Structure formats: structure tokens, C-alpha cells
C-alpha atoms as a PDB file:
ATOM      1  CA  MET A   1     -45.955  -3.845  34.769  1.00  0.00           C
ATOM      2  CA  LYS A   2     -45.473  -4.806  38.449  1.00  0.00           C
ATOM      3  CA  LYS A   3     -42.128  -2.984  38.467  1.00  0.00           C
ATOM      4  CA  ALA A   4     -43.761   0.135  37.012  1.00  0.00           C
ATOM      5  CA  VAL A   5     -46.507   0.145  39.663  1.00  0.00           C
ATOM      6  CA  PHE A   6     -43.927  -0.309  42.449  1.00  0.00           C
ATOM      7  CA  VAL A   7     -41.801   2.602  41.211  1.00  0.00           C
ATOM      8  CA  LEU A   8     -44.899   4.791  40.892  1.00  0.00           C
ATOM      9  CA  ILE A   9     -45.959   4.060  44.481  1.00  0.00           C
ATOM     10  CA  VAL A  10     -42.450   4.939  45.694  1.00  0.00           C
ATOM     11  CA  CYS A  11     -42.578   8.227  43.744  1.00  0.00           C
ATOM     12  CA  LEU A  12     -45.952   9.137  45.222  1.00  0.00           C
ATOM     13  CA  THR A  13     -44.855   8.316  48.769  1.00  0.00           C
ATOM     14  CA  PHE A  14     -41.650  10.327  48.395  1.00  0.00           C
ATOM     15  CA  THR A  15     -43.270  13.410  46.866  1.00  0.00           C
ATOM     16  CA  SER A  16     -46.142  13.486  49.336  1.00  0.00           C
ATOM     17  CA  ASN A  17     -43.739  13.250  52.287  1.00  0.00           C
ATOM     18  CA  ILE A  18     -41.397  16.028  51.176  1.00  0.00           C
ATOM     19  CA  ALA A  19     -44.182  18.389  50.134  1.00  0.00           C
ATOM     20  CA  SER A  20     -45.974  18.651  53.496  1.00  0.00           C
ATOM     21  CA  SER A  21     -48.899  18.731  51.131  1.00  0.00           C
ATOM     22  CA  GLN A  22     -51.506  21.473  51.227  1.00  0.00           C
ATOM     23  CA  SER A  23     -53.510  19.825  48.435  1.00  0.00           C
ATOM     24  CA  MET A  24     -53.866  16.493  46.718  1.00  0.00           C
ATOM     25  CA  GLY A  25     -55.977  15.257  43.839  1.00  0.00           C
ATOM     26  CA  LEU A  26     -57.055  12.140  41.991  1.00  0.00           C
ATOM     27  CA  SER A  27     -57.356  12.764  38.271  1.00  0.00           C
ATOM     28  CA  PHE A  28     -58.174  11.145  34.974  1.00  0.00           C
ATOM     29  CA  SER A  29     -55.485  12.388  32.612  1.00  0.00           C
ATOM     30  CA  TYR A  30     -55.306  11.832  28.877  1.00  0.00           C
ATOM     31  CA  PHE A  31     -52.313  12.434  26.639  1.00  0.00           C
ATOM     32  CA  ILE A  32     -52.467  13.276  22.933  1.00  0.00           C
ATOM     33  CA  PRO A  33     -48.901  12.986  21.578  1.00  0.00           C
ATOM     34  CA  LYS A  34     -47.550  14.654  18.471  1.00  0.00           C
ATOM     35  CA  ASP A  35     -47.894  12.214  15.546  1.00  0.00           C
ATOM     36  CA  GLY A  36     -49.055   9.552  17.970  1.00  0.00           C
ATOM     37  CA  TYR A  37     -52.096   7.764  19.322  1.00  0.00           C
ATOM     38  CA  PHE A  38     -54.425   8.857  22.131  1.00  0.00           C
ATOM     39  CA  SER A  39     -53.136   7.487  25.464  1.00  0.00           C
ATOM     40  CA  THR A  40     -54.839   6.936  28.805  1.00  0.00           C
ATOM     41  CA  PRO A  41     -53.722   6.492  32.431  1.00  0.00           C
ATOM     42  CA  ILE A  42     -53.842   3.149  34.215  1.00  0.00           C
ATOM     43  CA  SER A  43     -56.621   3.876  36.704  1.00  0.00           C
ATOM     44  CA  PRO A  44     -56.318   4.547  39.597  1.00  0.00           C
ATOM     45  CA  PHE A  45     -52.597   5.312  39.222  1.00  0.00           C
ATOM     46  CA  SER A  46     -52.902   9.011  38.395  1.00  0.00           C
ATOM     47  CA  ILE A  47     -52.490  11.320  41.363  1.00  0.00           C
ATOM     48  CA  ARG A  48     -51.945  15.043  40.936  1.00  0.00           C
ATOM     49  CA  GLY A  49     -52.010  18.239  42.921  1.00  0.00           C
ATOM     50  CA  ILE A  50     -49.600  17.212  45.680  1.00  0.00           C
ATOM     51  CA  GLY A  51     -48.621  20.746  46.555  1.00  0.00           C
ATOM     52  CA  LEU A  52     -46.896  23.140  48.881  1.00  0.00           C
ATOM     53  CA  ASP A  53     -48.092  26.743  49.229  1.00  0.00           C
ATOM     54  CA  PHE A  54     -45.350  29.366  49.564  1.00  0.00           C
ATOM     55  CA  THR A  55     -47.766  32.320  49.598  1.00  0.00           C
ATOM     56  CA  ASP A  56     -51.419  32.903  48.733  1.00  0.00           C
ATOM     57  CA  PHE A  57     -50.428  33.284  45.096  1.00  0.00           C
ATOM     58  CA  ILE A  58     -47.409  31.013  44.540  1.00  0.00           C
ATOM     59  CA  SER A  59     -47.148  27.282  45.151  1.00  0.00           C
ATOM     60  CA  LEU A  60     -45.267  24.180  44.058  1.00  0.00           C
ATOM     61  CA  GLU A  61     -47.041  21.115  42.682  1.00  0.00           C
ATOM     62  CA  THR A  62     -46.115  17.559  41.782  1.00  0.00           C
ATOM     63  CA  GLY A  63     -47.743  14.163  41.363  1.00  0.00           C
ATOM     64  CA  ALA A  64     -47.388  11.048  39.244  1.00  0.00           C
ATOM     65  CA  SER A  65     -49.233   9.070  36.596  1.00  0.00           C
ATOM     66  CA  LEU A  66     -48.832   5.632  35.108  1.00  0.00           C
ATOM     67  CA  TYR A  67     -49.760   5.835  31.432  1.00  0.00           C
ATOM     68  CA  ARG A  68     -50.344   3.178  28.839  1.00  0.00           C
ATOM     69  CA  MET A  69     -48.920   4.813  25.732  1.00  0.00           C
ATOM     70  CA  SER A  70     -50.661   3.538  22.615  1.00  0.00           C
ATOM     71  CA  GLY A  71     -48.176   4.942  20.119  1.00  0.00           C
ATOM     72  CA  MET A  72     -45.486   7.641  20.103  1.00  0.00           C
ATOM     73  CA  ARG A  73     -43.177   9.144  17.544  1.00  0.00           C
ATOM     74  CA  ILE A  74     -39.477   8.301  17.250  1.00  0.00           C
ATOM     75  CA  LYS A  75     -37.576  11.326  15.977  1.00  0.00           C
ATOM     76  CA  ASP A  76     -34.091  11.957  14.604  1.00  0.00           C
ATOM     77  CA  VAL A  77     -34.076   8.995  12.229  1.00  0.00           C
ATOM     78  CA  PRO A  78     -33.695   9.430   8.439  1.00  0.00           C
ATOM     79  CA  PHE A  79     -37.040   7.777   7.709  1.00  0.00           C
ATOM     80  CA  GLU A  80     -39.361   9.778   9.963  1.00  0.00           C
ATOM     81  CA  SER A  81     -43.079   9.384   9.422  1.00  0.00           C
ATOM     82  CA  PRO A  82     -46.343  10.996  10.588  1.00  0.00           C
ATOM     83  CA  GLU A  83     -47.183   7.565  12.034  1.00  0.00           C
ATOM     84  CA  PRO A  84     -45.781   6.500  15.439  1.00  0.00           C
ATOM     85  CA  PHE A  85     -43.009   3.923  15.670  1.00  0.00           C
ATOM     86  CA  ALA A  86     -43.034   3.132  19.422  1.00  0.00           C
ATOM     87  CA  GLY A  87     -45.866   1.457  21.289  1.00  0.00           C
ATOM     88  CA  PRO A  88     -47.643   0.197  23.115  1.00  0.00           C
ATOM     89  CA  PHE A  89     -45.728   0.573  26.376  1.00  0.00           C
ATOM     90  CA  PHE A  90     -46.097   1.818  29.946  1.00  0.00           C
ATOM     91  CA  SER A  91     -44.685   5.138  31.106  1.00  0.00           C
ATOM     92  CA  ILE A  92     -44.287   6.620  34.585  1.00  0.00           C
ATOM     93  CA  TYR A  93     -44.614  10.388  34.385  1.00  0.00           C
ATOM     94  CA  VAL A  94     -43.780  12.816  37.243  1.00  0.00           C
ATOM     95  CA  PRO A  95     -44.299  16.595  36.816  1.00  0.00           C
ATOM     96  CA  LEU A  96     -42.905  19.400  38.976  1.00  0.00           C
ATOM     97  CA  GLN A  97     -44.463  22.816  38.393  1.00  0.00           C
ATOM     98  CA  LEU A  98     -44.546  26.287  39.882  1.00  0.00           C
ATOM     99  CA  LYS A  99     -48.118  27.601  40.133  1.00  0.00           C
ATOM    100  CA  PHE A 100     -49.434  31.155  40.123  1.00  0.00           C
ATOM    101  CA  ASN A 101     -52.838  31.220  41.787  1.00  0.00           C
ATOM    102  CA  LEU A 102     -55.853  33.516  41.463  1.00  0.00           C
ATOM    103  CA  TYR A 103     -58.869  32.966  43.745  1.00  0.00           C
ATOM    104  CA  PHE A 104     -62.445  34.117  43.095  1.00  0.00           C
ATOM    105  CA  SER A 105     -64.964  33.153  45.776  1.00  0.00           C
ATOM    106  CA  ASN A 106     -65.637  29.444  45.128  1.00  0.00           C
ATOM    107  CA  GLN A 107     -63.421  29.275  42.026  1.00  0.00           C
ATOM    108  CA  SER A 108     -59.734  29.562  41.241  1.00  0.00           C
ATOM    109  CA  LEU A 109     -57.481  29.850  38.202  1.00  0.00           C
ATOM    110  CA  HIS A 110     -53.903  28.592  38.141  1.00  0.00           C
ATOM    111  CA  PHE A 111     -51.114  29.147  35.618  1.00  0.00           C
ATOM    112  CA  LYS A 112     -48.335  26.565  35.699  1.00  0.00           C
ATOM    113  CA  GLY A 113     -44.860  26.022  34.342  1.00  0.00           C
ATOM    114  CA  GLY A 114     -42.014  23.646  35.059  1.00  0.00           C
ATOM    115  CA  GLY A 115     -40.519  20.342  34.059  1.00  0.00           C
ATOM    116  CA  PHE A 116     -41.239  16.645  34.095  1.00  0.00           C
ATOM    117  CA  GLY A 117     -39.462  13.328  34.096  1.00  0.00           C
ATOM    118  CA  PHE A 118     -40.608   9.983  32.749  1.00  0.00           C
ATOM    119  CA  TYR A 119     -39.465   6.422  32.274  1.00  0.00           C
ATOM    120  CA  ASN A 120     -40.843   3.876  29.810  1.00  0.00           C
ATOM    121  CA  PHE A 121     -41.319   0.166  30.482  1.00  0.00           C
ATOM    122  CA  ASP A 122     -41.863  -2.800  28.172  1.00  0.00           C
ATOM    123  CA  THR A 123     -41.432  -0.681  25.047  1.00  0.00           C
ATOM    124  CA  LYS A 124     -42.613  -2.366  21.880  1.00  0.00           C
ATOM    125  CA  LEU A 125     -42.229  -1.163  18.307  1.00  0.00           C
ATOM    126  CA  MET A 126     -44.769  -0.829  15.519  1.00  0.00           C
ATOM    127  CA  ASP A 127     -42.994  -2.887  12.888  1.00  0.00           C
ATOM    128  CA  GLY A 128     -45.594  -2.234  10.211  1.00  0.00           C
ATOM    129  CA  ASN A 129     -45.268   1.551  10.475  1.00  0.00           C
ATOM    130  CA  ILE A 130     -41.463   1.302  10.464  1.00  0.00           C
ATOM    131  CA  ASP A 131     -41.489  -1.006   7.444  1.00  0.00           C
ATOM    132  CA  ARG A 132     -43.685   1.369   5.435  1.00  0.00           C
ATOM    133  CA  ALA A 133     -41.531   4.385   6.354  1.00  0.00           C
ATOM    134  CA  LEU A 134     -38.346   2.536   5.373  1.00  0.00           C
ATOM    135  CA  ARG A 135     -39.891   1.350   2.113  1.00  0.00           C
ATOM    136  CA  ASP A 136     -40.839   4.920   1.162  1.00  0.00           C
ATOM    137  CA  HIS A 137     -37.451   6.290   2.249  1.00  0.00           C
ATOM    138  CA  LEU A 138     -35.447   3.672   0.331  1.00  0.00           C
ATOM    139  CA  ASP A 139     -37.901   3.487  -2.569  1.00  0.00           C
ATOM    140  CA  TRP A 140     -37.900  -0.292  -2.354  1.00  0.00           C
ATOM    141  CA  ALA A 141     -40.662  -2.673  -3.342  1.00  0.00           C
ATOM    142  CA  LEU A 142     -40.629  -4.543  -0.027  1.00  0.00           C
ATOM    143  CA  VAL A 143     -39.049  -4.049   3.417  1.00  0.00           C
ATOM    144  CA  ASN A 144     -39.089  -6.162   6.565  1.00  0.00           C
ATOM    145  CA  SER A 145     -37.377  -4.825   9.714  1.00  0.00           C
ATOM    146  CA  ASP A 146     -36.369  -6.082  13.145  1.00  0.00           C
ATOM    147  CA  PHE A 147     -35.501  -3.207  15.506  1.00  0.00           C
ATOM    148  CA  LYS A 148     -35.275  -2.587  19.230  1.00  0.00           C
ATOM    149  CA  VAL A 149     -34.890   0.467  21.481  1.00  0.00           C
ATOM    150  CA  ASP A 150     -33.309   1.197  24.851  1.00  0.00           C
ATOM    151  CA  ASN A 151     -35.293   2.472  27.840  1.00  0.00           C
ATOM    152  CA  ASN A 152     -33.749   5.591  29.377  1.00  0.00           C
ATOM    153  CA  LEU A 153     -34.893   8.337  31.732  1.00  0.00           C
ATOM    154  CA  GLY A 154     -36.492  11.202  29.822  1.00  0.00           C
ATOM    155  CA  VAL A 155     -37.042  14.842  30.764  1.00  0.00           C
ATOM    156  CA  GLY A 156     -38.815  17.855  29.337  1.00  0.00           C
ATOM    157  CA  TRP A 157     -40.595  21.125  30.041  1.00  0.00           C
ATOM    158  CA  MET A 158     -44.288  21.821  30.413  1.00  0.00           C
ATOM    159  CA  ALA A 159     -46.719  24.719  30.780  1.00  0.00           C
ATOM    160  CA  GLY A 160     -50.447  24.943  31.261  1.00  0.00           C
ATOM    161  CA  ALA A 161     -53.453  26.171  33.194  1.00  0.00           C
ATOM    162  CA  GLU A 162     -55.979  24.768  35.644  1.00  0.00           C
ATOM    163  CA  TYR A 163     -59.511  25.810  36.603  1.00  0.00           C
ATOM    164  CA  ILE A 164     -61.057  24.686  39.908  1.00  0.00           C
ATOM    165  CA  ILE A 165     -64.589  25.071  41.204  1.00  0.00           C
ATOM    166  CA  TYR A 166     -64.927  24.389  44.937  1.00  0.00           C
ATOM    167  CA  LEU A 167     -67.991  22.518  46.142  1.00  0.00           C
ATOM    168  CA  THR A 168     -66.878  22.930  49.769  1.00  0.00           C
ATOM    169  CA  ASP A 169     -63.927  24.651  51.457  1.00  0.00           C
ATOM    170  CA  GLN A 170     -61.777  21.529  51.088  1.00  0.00           C
ATOM    171  CA  PHE A 171     -63.241  19.750  48.063  1.00  0.00           C
ATOM    172  CA  GLY A 172     -63.312  20.763  44.411  1.00  0.00           C
ATOM    173  CA  ILE A 173     -63.443  19.655  40.792  1.00  0.00           C
ATOM    174  CA  ASN A 174     -60.595  20.659  38.493  1.00  0.00           C
ATOM    175  CA  LEU A 175     -60.083  20.911  34.746  1.00  0.00           C
ATOM    176  CA  GLU A 176     -56.516  21.167  33.481  1.00  0.00           C
ATOM    177  CA  ALA A 177     -54.563  21.348  30.235  1.00  0.00           C
ATOM    178  CA  ASN A 178     -50.772  21.159  29.820  1.00  0.00           C
ATOM    179  CA  TYR A 179     -48.444  21.279  26.848  1.00  0.00           C
ATOM    180  CA  LEU A 180     -45.445  18.958  27.212  1.00  0.00           C
ATOM    181  CA  ALA A 181     -42.197  18.870  25.244  1.00  0.00           C
ATOM    182  CA  GLY A 182     -39.593  16.242  26.100  1.00  0.00           C
ATOM    183  CA  ASP A 183     -37.847  13.125  24.864  1.00  0.00           C
ATOM    184  CA  THR A 184     -35.788  10.120  25.866  1.00  0.00           C
ATOM    185  CA  LYS A 185     -32.893   8.533  23.998  1.00  0.00           C
ATOM    186  CA  ALA A 186     -34.078   5.456  22.102  1.00  0.00           C
ATOM    187  CA  ASN A 187     -30.870   4.266  20.397  1.00  0.00           C
ATOM    188  CA  LEU A 188     -32.940   2.572  17.695  1.00  0.00           C
ATOM    189  CA  GLN A 189     -30.963  -0.358  16.303  1.00  0.00           C
ATOM    190  CA  GLY A 190     -31.402  -3.566  14.380  1.00  0.00           C
ATOM    191  CA  ALA A 191     -31.588  -4.784  10.806  1.00  0.00           C
ATOM    192  CA  TYR A 192     -33.856  -4.693   7.814  1.00  0.00           C
ATOM    193  CA  ASN A 193     -34.023  -6.602   4.567  1.00  0.00           C
ATOM    194  CA  GLY A 194     -35.965  -5.994   1.421  1.00  0.00           C
ATOM    195  CA  LEU A 195     -36.283  -6.036  -2.314  1.00  0.00           C
ATOM    196  CA  PRO A 196     -35.181  -2.950  -4.267  1.00  0.00           C
ATOM    197  CA  THR A 197     -37.497  -1.762  -7.038  1.00  0.00           C
ATOM    198  CA  ASP A 198     -34.884  -2.605  -9.681  1.00  0.00           C
ATOM    199  CA  GLY A 199     -35.605  -6.290  -9.050  1.00  0.00           C
ATOM    200  CA  SER A 200     -32.132  -7.205  -7.807  1.00  0.00           C
ATOM    201  CA  ASN A 201     -31.443  -9.680  -5.021  1.00  0.00           C
ATOM    202  CA  ILE A 202     -32.787  -9.236  -1.498  1.00  0.00           C
ATOM    203  CA  VAL A 203     -30.599  -6.821   0.484  1.00  0.00           C
ATOM    204  CA  THR A 204     -29.963  -7.002   4.254  1.00  0.00           C
ATOM    205  CA  GLU A 205     -28.488  -4.136   6.276  1.00  0.00           C
ATOM    206  CA  GLU A 206     -27.690  -3.646   9.959  1.00  0.00           C
ATOM    207  CA  VAL A 207     -28.087  -0.095  11.270  1.00  0.00           C
ATOM    208  CA  ILE A 208     -28.006   1.916  14.485  1.00  0.00           C
ATOM    209  CA  PHE A 209     -29.341   5.406  15.111  1.00  0.00           C
ATOM    210  CA  PRO A 210     -27.690   6.660  18.336  1.00  0.00           C
ATOM    211  CA  GLU A 211     -29.378  10.080  18.152  1.00  0.00           C
ATOM    212  CA  SER A 212     -32.887   8.663  17.859  1.00  0.00           C
ATOM    213  CA  ALA A 213     -35.334   9.575  20.615  1.00  0.00           C
ATOM    214  CA  ILE A 214     -38.896   8.808  21.655  1.00  0.00           C
ATOM    215  CA  ASP A 215     -40.725  12.124  21.414  1.00  0.00           C
ATOM    216  CA  PHE A 216     -42.789  12.977  24.514  1.00  0.00           C
ATOM    217  CA  THR A 217     -44.416  16.051  22.988  1.00  0.00           C
ATOM    218  CA  GLY A 218     -48.123  16.749  23.036  1.00  0.00           C
ATOM    219  CA  TRP A 219     -51.144  17.862  25.045  1.00  0.00           C
ATOM    220  CA  GLU A 220     -52.324  16.435  28.339  1.00  0.00           C
ATOM    221  CA  PHE A 221     -55.890  17.022  29.515  1.00  0.00           C
ATOM    222  CA  SER A 222     -57.087  16.193  33.016  1.00  0.00           C
ATOM    223  CA  VAL A 223     -60.315  16.197  34.993  1.00  0.00           C
ATOM    224  CA  GLY A 224     -60.284  15.262  38.628  1.00  0.00           C
ATOM    225  CA  LEU A 225     -61.142  15.733  42.276  1.00  0.00           C
ATOM    226  CA  LEU A 226     -59.048  17.991  44.500  1.00  0.00           C
ATOM    227  CA  PHE A 227     -58.768  17.862  48.279  1.00  0.00           C
ATOM    228  CA  GLU A 228     -57.319  20.930  50.010  1.00  0.00           C
ATOM    229  CA  THR A 229     -56.188  21.433  53.603  1.00  0.00           C
ATOM    230  CA  GLY A 230     -54.862  24.944  53.127  1.00  0.00           C
ATOM    231  CA  ARG A 231     -57.193  26.733  50.742  1.00  0.00           C
ATOM    232  CA  ARG A 232     -56.931  30.541  50.819  1.00  0.00           C
END
């Protein structure tokens, strides 16, 4: 956890320095993953809207969040399930998006698209969900597993929109929604043992799934405060 916070602070310092920021925001962001559990940021480590304006209508935006992921899907395994396999764990998430801006008096609308990177820490597995998926896949009476995953850098693409209402020239409230699609290699590996339905002896197998990946796909919703130094 301490390592994750340190890396996040470094990311925020780096991005804010290179952006010569025209805007910056503090947000409460919530992630709803595909076939996963509702996840929340580790307050106050969610800073968004660090931006650089190229013109009145085009700008670049970044930021960073430290999430506590409650449960996420592992894909590309033969026993996939609608229930998540990975979690809980911490994830540092850094977006980079191009924004197209429309201004209306004390309001603005922004359309965004770009990519993101993330890194997971202290990743745990949901053994019960994995056991049930394996049992159904193998058609066994009982399964008990012991798996682990690797932590690797993940990337993906994202697109969304943001609405801002300005209370003053430099201060506003924003509402934002983004769709994210990305993954990171999990290299799920370990062993399982169980009792086949035919009543034979207990069977133990060691397996590895090198193509397996933690699926970072879903919707992110944010509400926050925005501070602008270069509002049009």
C-alpha cells in the first residue's frame, strides 16, 4: 500500500510538471467493471483534470487515481465465469485523453478519447469463485484450488464525456463518465485437486494459463471539483 501511494504521488508530480497545467481537479471516481464488483478510489488519492489547452476547443488531460478494486474478471481461461476471480487489490490508474471542448456561458461540455495505463498491487484471488467455476467446468463433485497471478503493467483505451458548471470563473463542479477497455497479463498458475463425480480417487493437477489476463473493462463515473487558470 505504501509503495502504491508513493508511485501515485510521483505520477501526479510528473504529470503536473510537464503539463504546465491550465486546469486541475479533485474527484470522487467510481469504477463498475465488467463481471466484477463496484470499486472505489482511496480518498483523497484521485486527482483529475490536469490539463494543457492547445486551442479554445482542443486540450490534453491527464491525472491519476488509486483504486481499491473489490473484484475483477480474469479472462482467457477455459473456466471463465460471470463472477470475478481477482480481488481485492489496489490499482494505480493514469489516463491520458484528448478533449474537444464546447463552452456555453457558465457551462461546458467535453468529449474525450485516449488511453490509460494501470498497475495492480497486492493482488489476491477469490478462491471460492475459482473453485466453483472449475467444478462446473470439470463436472466434478468437489474442487479446491491454489492459484496465483503476476502483476504487470496494463494498458487500454477509453472514451467518454464531461459536463462542467462553473460557479466562478476559476471554480466549477464536474460530472464525468468514461468507458474503459484494457487488460494486464495475469499468467494465472497453480494447482487444484478434487473429486470427480464418478467417485474415483482424488485427482491433483498443476496448470498454467499464460494467456490469462485481468480484464480492466467497465464504466467509470466521477464527480468532482475543478480549478481552472485558463478558462475560455
